[in-house]
């Protein structure tokens, strides 16, 4: 079952620095992952989670920045 996150949700799936598998819908108002537990690497060097491969799509952190493809 896939999980969608609206573009206003400050979760890893919507973060510029999250390296997990995700897509966005045609009108770019939400991100979609296979599951809220989909894992990806944090690519933000200033985050305490930097290079952590186990950040779940529904996680968050203080260094979140909106993914550039989202409106």
N, C-alpha and C. Protein backbone atom coordinates (compact mmCIF):
# COMPACT_ATOMS: atom_id res chain seq x y z
N UNK A 1 0.85 -1.18 0.00
CA UNK A 1 0.00 0.00 0.00
C UNK A 1 0.89 1.24 0.00
N UNK A 2 0.64 2.16 -0.91
CA UNK A 2 1.46 3.37 -0.97
C UNK A 2 0.94 4.43 0.00
N UNK A 3 1.80 5.38 0.27
CA UNK A 3 1.46 6.46 1.19
C UNK A 3 1.73 7.78 0.50
N UNK A 4 0.78 8.71 0.57
CA UNK A 4 0.96 10.04 0.02
C UNK A 4 1.12 11.05 1.15
N UNK A 5 1.99 12.02 0.91
CA UNK A 5 2.22 13.11 1.86
C UNK A 5 1.95 14.42 1.12
N UNK A 6 1.08 15.27 1.67
CA UNK A 6 0.82 16.55 1.02
C UNK A 6 2.08 17.40 1.06
N UNK A 7 2.20 18.35 0.15
CA UNK A 7 3.41 19.16 0.04
C UNK A 7 3.66 20.04 1.26
N UNK A 8 2.66 20.20 2.12
CA UNK A 8 2.84 21.02 3.32
C UNK A 8 3.32 20.21 4.52
N UNK A 9 3.37 18.88 4.37
CA UNK A 9 3.83 18.02 5.46
C UNK A 9 5.35 18.08 5.56
N UNK A 10 5.86 18.39 6.73
CA UNK A 10 7.31 18.48 6.94
C UNK A 10 7.86 17.12 7.36
N UNK A 11 7.83 16.19 6.40
CA UNK A 11 8.32 14.84 6.62
C UNK A 11 9.48 14.59 5.66
N UNK A 12 10.28 13.58 5.95
CA UNK A 12 11.45 13.29 5.12
C UNK A 12 11.09 13.07 3.66
N UNK A 13 9.96 12.44 3.37
CA UNK A 13 9.56 12.19 1.99
C UNK A 13 9.43 13.48 1.19
N UNK A 14 9.19 14.59 1.84
CA UNK A 14 9.06 15.89 1.18
C UNK A 14 10.31 16.75 1.31
N UNK A 15 11.39 16.20 1.81
CA UNK A 15 12.60 16.98 2.06
C UNK A 15 13.57 16.90 0.88
N UNK A 16 14.17 18.02 0.57
CA UNK A 16 15.17 18.12 -0.49
C UNK A 16 16.33 17.14 -0.29
N UNK A 17 16.63 16.82 0.95
CA UNK A 17 17.82 16.03 1.28
C UNK A 17 17.56 14.55 1.57
N UNK A 18 16.35 14.09 1.35
CA UNK A 18 16.04 12.68 1.63
C UNK A 18 16.30 11.86 0.38
N UNK A 19 17.04 10.77 0.50
CA UNK A 19 17.43 9.96 -0.64
C UNK A 19 16.63 8.70 -0.85
N UNK A 20 15.44 8.61 -0.29
CA UNK A 20 14.61 7.42 -0.45
C UNK A 20 13.82 7.42 -1.75
N UNK A 21 13.25 6.26 -2.08
CA UNK A 21 12.44 6.12 -3.29
C UNK A 21 11.11 6.84 -3.12
N UNK A 22 10.81 7.75 -4.05
CA UNK A 22 9.57 8.53 -3.99
C UNK A 22 9.24 9.09 -5.37
N UNK A 23 8.00 9.46 -5.53
CA UNK A 23 7.54 10.13 -6.75
C UNK A 23 6.63 11.27 -6.32
N UNK A 24 6.24 12.10 -7.29
CA UNK A 24 5.26 13.15 -7.00
C UNK A 24 4.18 13.08 -8.04
N UNK A 25 2.99 13.57 -7.70
CA UNK A 25 1.88 13.48 -8.65
C UNK A 25 2.00 14.56 -9.71
N UNK A 26 1.16 14.47 -10.73
CA UNK A 26 1.25 15.37 -11.90
C UNK A 26 1.12 16.83 -11.55
N UNK A 27 0.33 17.15 -10.59
CA UNK A 27 0.18 18.56 -10.24
C UNK A 27 1.12 18.96 -9.10
N UNK A 28 1.98 18.03 -8.70
CA UNK A 28 3.05 18.24 -7.72
C UNK A 28 2.56 18.82 -6.40
N UNK A 29 1.46 18.29 -5.94
CA UNK A 29 0.94 18.72 -4.65
C UNK A 29 1.15 17.67 -3.57
N UNK A 30 1.71 16.51 -3.94
CA UNK A 30 2.01 15.50 -2.94
C UNK A 30 3.12 14.56 -3.41
N UNK A 31 3.76 13.96 -2.43
CA UNK A 31 4.81 12.98 -2.66
C UNK A 31 4.23 11.61 -2.35
N UNK A 32 4.65 10.60 -3.10
CA UNK A 32 4.16 9.25 -2.86
C UNK A 32 5.34 8.30 -2.66
N UNK A 33 5.23 7.46 -1.63
CA UNK A 33 6.22 6.43 -1.33
C UNK A 33 5.49 5.09 -1.25
N UNK A 34 6.24 4.02 -1.34
CA UNK A 34 5.65 2.69 -1.25
C UNK A 34 4.96 2.50 0.11
N UNK A 35 5.58 3.06 1.16
CA UNK A 35 5.07 2.89 2.52
C UNK A 35 5.57 4.07 3.37
N UNK A 36 4.89 4.42 4.47
CA UNK A 36 5.42 5.46 5.35
C UNK A 36 6.73 5.02 6.00
N UNK A 37 7.01 3.72 5.96
CA UNK A 37 8.24 3.20 6.55
C UNK A 37 9.36 3.02 5.52
N UNK A 38 9.14 3.48 4.28
CA UNK A 38 10.20 3.45 3.27
C UNK A 38 11.40 4.20 3.83
N UNK A 39 12.58 3.61 3.70
CA UNK A 39 13.78 4.22 4.26
C UNK A 39 14.65 4.84 3.19
N UNK A 40 15.35 5.90 3.58
CA UNK A 40 16.26 6.58 2.69
C UNK A 40 17.38 7.23 3.47
N UNK A 41 18.43 7.59 2.78
CA UNK A 41 19.60 8.22 3.39
C UNK A 41 19.38 9.72 3.52
N UNK A 42 19.76 10.28 4.66
CA UNK A 42 19.71 11.73 4.85
C UNK A 42 20.98 12.32 4.23
N UNK A 43 20.80 13.22 3.27
CA UNK A 43 21.92 13.81 2.55
C UNK A 43 22.25 15.23 2.99
N UNK A 44 21.62 15.68 4.09
CA UNK A 44 21.88 17.02 4.61
C UNK A 44 23.06 16.96 5.57
N UNK A 45 24.18 17.52 5.15
CA UNK A 45 25.41 17.46 5.96
C UNK A 45 25.30 18.20 7.29
N UNK A 46 24.34 19.12 7.41
CA UNK A 46 24.21 19.86 8.67
C UNK A 46 23.20 19.23 9.62
N UNK A 47 22.60 18.13 9.21
CA UNK A 47 21.62 17.44 10.05
C UNK A 47 22.31 16.43 10.97
N UNK A 48 21.74 16.22 12.11
CA UNK A 48 22.23 15.19 13.01
C UNK A 48 22.02 13.79 12.44
N UNK A 49 21.20 13.68 11.41
CA UNK A 49 20.92 12.41 10.75
C UNK A 49 21.78 12.22 9.49
N UNK A 50 22.72 13.12 9.22
CA UNK A 50 23.54 13.07 8.01
C UNK A 50 24.11 11.67 7.77
N UNK A 51 23.93 11.19 6.56
CA UNK A 51 24.39 9.88 6.09
C UNK A 51 23.72 8.70 6.77
N UNK A 52 22.72 8.95 7.58
CA UNK A 52 21.98 7.86 8.19
C UNK A 52 21.11 7.21 7.11
N UNK A 53 21.29 5.91 6.86
CA UNK A 53 20.52 5.27 5.80
C UNK A 53 19.11 4.87 6.21
N UNK A 54 18.77 5.02 7.47
CA UNK A 54 17.51 4.49 7.95
C UNK A 54 16.43 5.50 8.27
N UNK A 55 16.44 6.68 7.65
CA UNK A 55 15.39 7.68 7.90
C UNK A 55 14.12 7.28 7.16
N UNK A 56 13.05 7.07 7.90
CA UNK A 56 11.77 6.68 7.31
C UNK A 56 11.10 7.88 6.63
N UNK A 57 10.29 7.59 5.63
CA UNK A 57 9.59 8.63 4.87
C UNK A 57 8.75 9.54 5.76
N UNK A 58 8.16 8.99 6.82
CA UNK A 58 7.29 9.79 7.68
C UNK A 58 8.02 10.44 8.86
N UNK A 59 9.35 10.36 8.88
CA UNK A 59 10.15 11.01 9.93
C UNK A 59 10.31 12.49 9.63
N UNK A 60 10.86 13.22 10.58
CA UNK A 60 11.14 14.64 10.37
C UNK A 60 12.38 15.04 11.15
N UNK A 61 12.87 16.26 10.90
CA UNK A 61 13.99 16.81 11.65
C UNK A 61 13.97 18.32 11.53
N UNK A 62 14.79 18.99 12.31
CA UNK A 62 14.83 20.45 12.33
C UNK A 62 15.48 21.05 11.08
N UNK A 63 16.17 20.25 10.29
CA UNK A 63 16.87 20.76 9.10
C UNK A 63 16.09 20.54 7.80
N UNK A 64 14.79 20.25 7.92
CA UNK A 64 13.94 19.98 6.77
C UNK A 64 13.90 21.16 5.81
N UNK A 65 13.99 20.86 4.51
CA UNK A 65 13.80 21.87 3.45
C UNK A 65 12.92 21.24 2.37
N UNK A 66 11.93 21.98 1.92
CA UNK A 66 10.97 21.45 0.95
C UNK A 66 11.67 20.99 -0.33
N UNK A 67 11.30 19.80 -0.79
CA UNK A 67 11.82 19.22 -2.02
C UNK A 67 11.51 20.17 -3.17
N UNK A 68 12.49 20.49 -3.97
CA UNK A 68 12.37 21.49 -5.03
C UNK A 68 11.32 21.23 -6.09
N UNK A 69 10.92 19.99 -6.30
CA UNK A 69 9.91 19.69 -7.33
C UNK A 69 8.49 19.94 -6.83
N UNK A 70 8.31 20.14 -5.53
CA UNK A 70 6.98 20.39 -4.97
C UNK A 70 6.64 21.86 -5.03
N UNK A 71 5.37 22.16 -5.22
CA UNK A 71 4.91 23.55 -5.25
C UNK A 71 4.57 24.00 -3.86
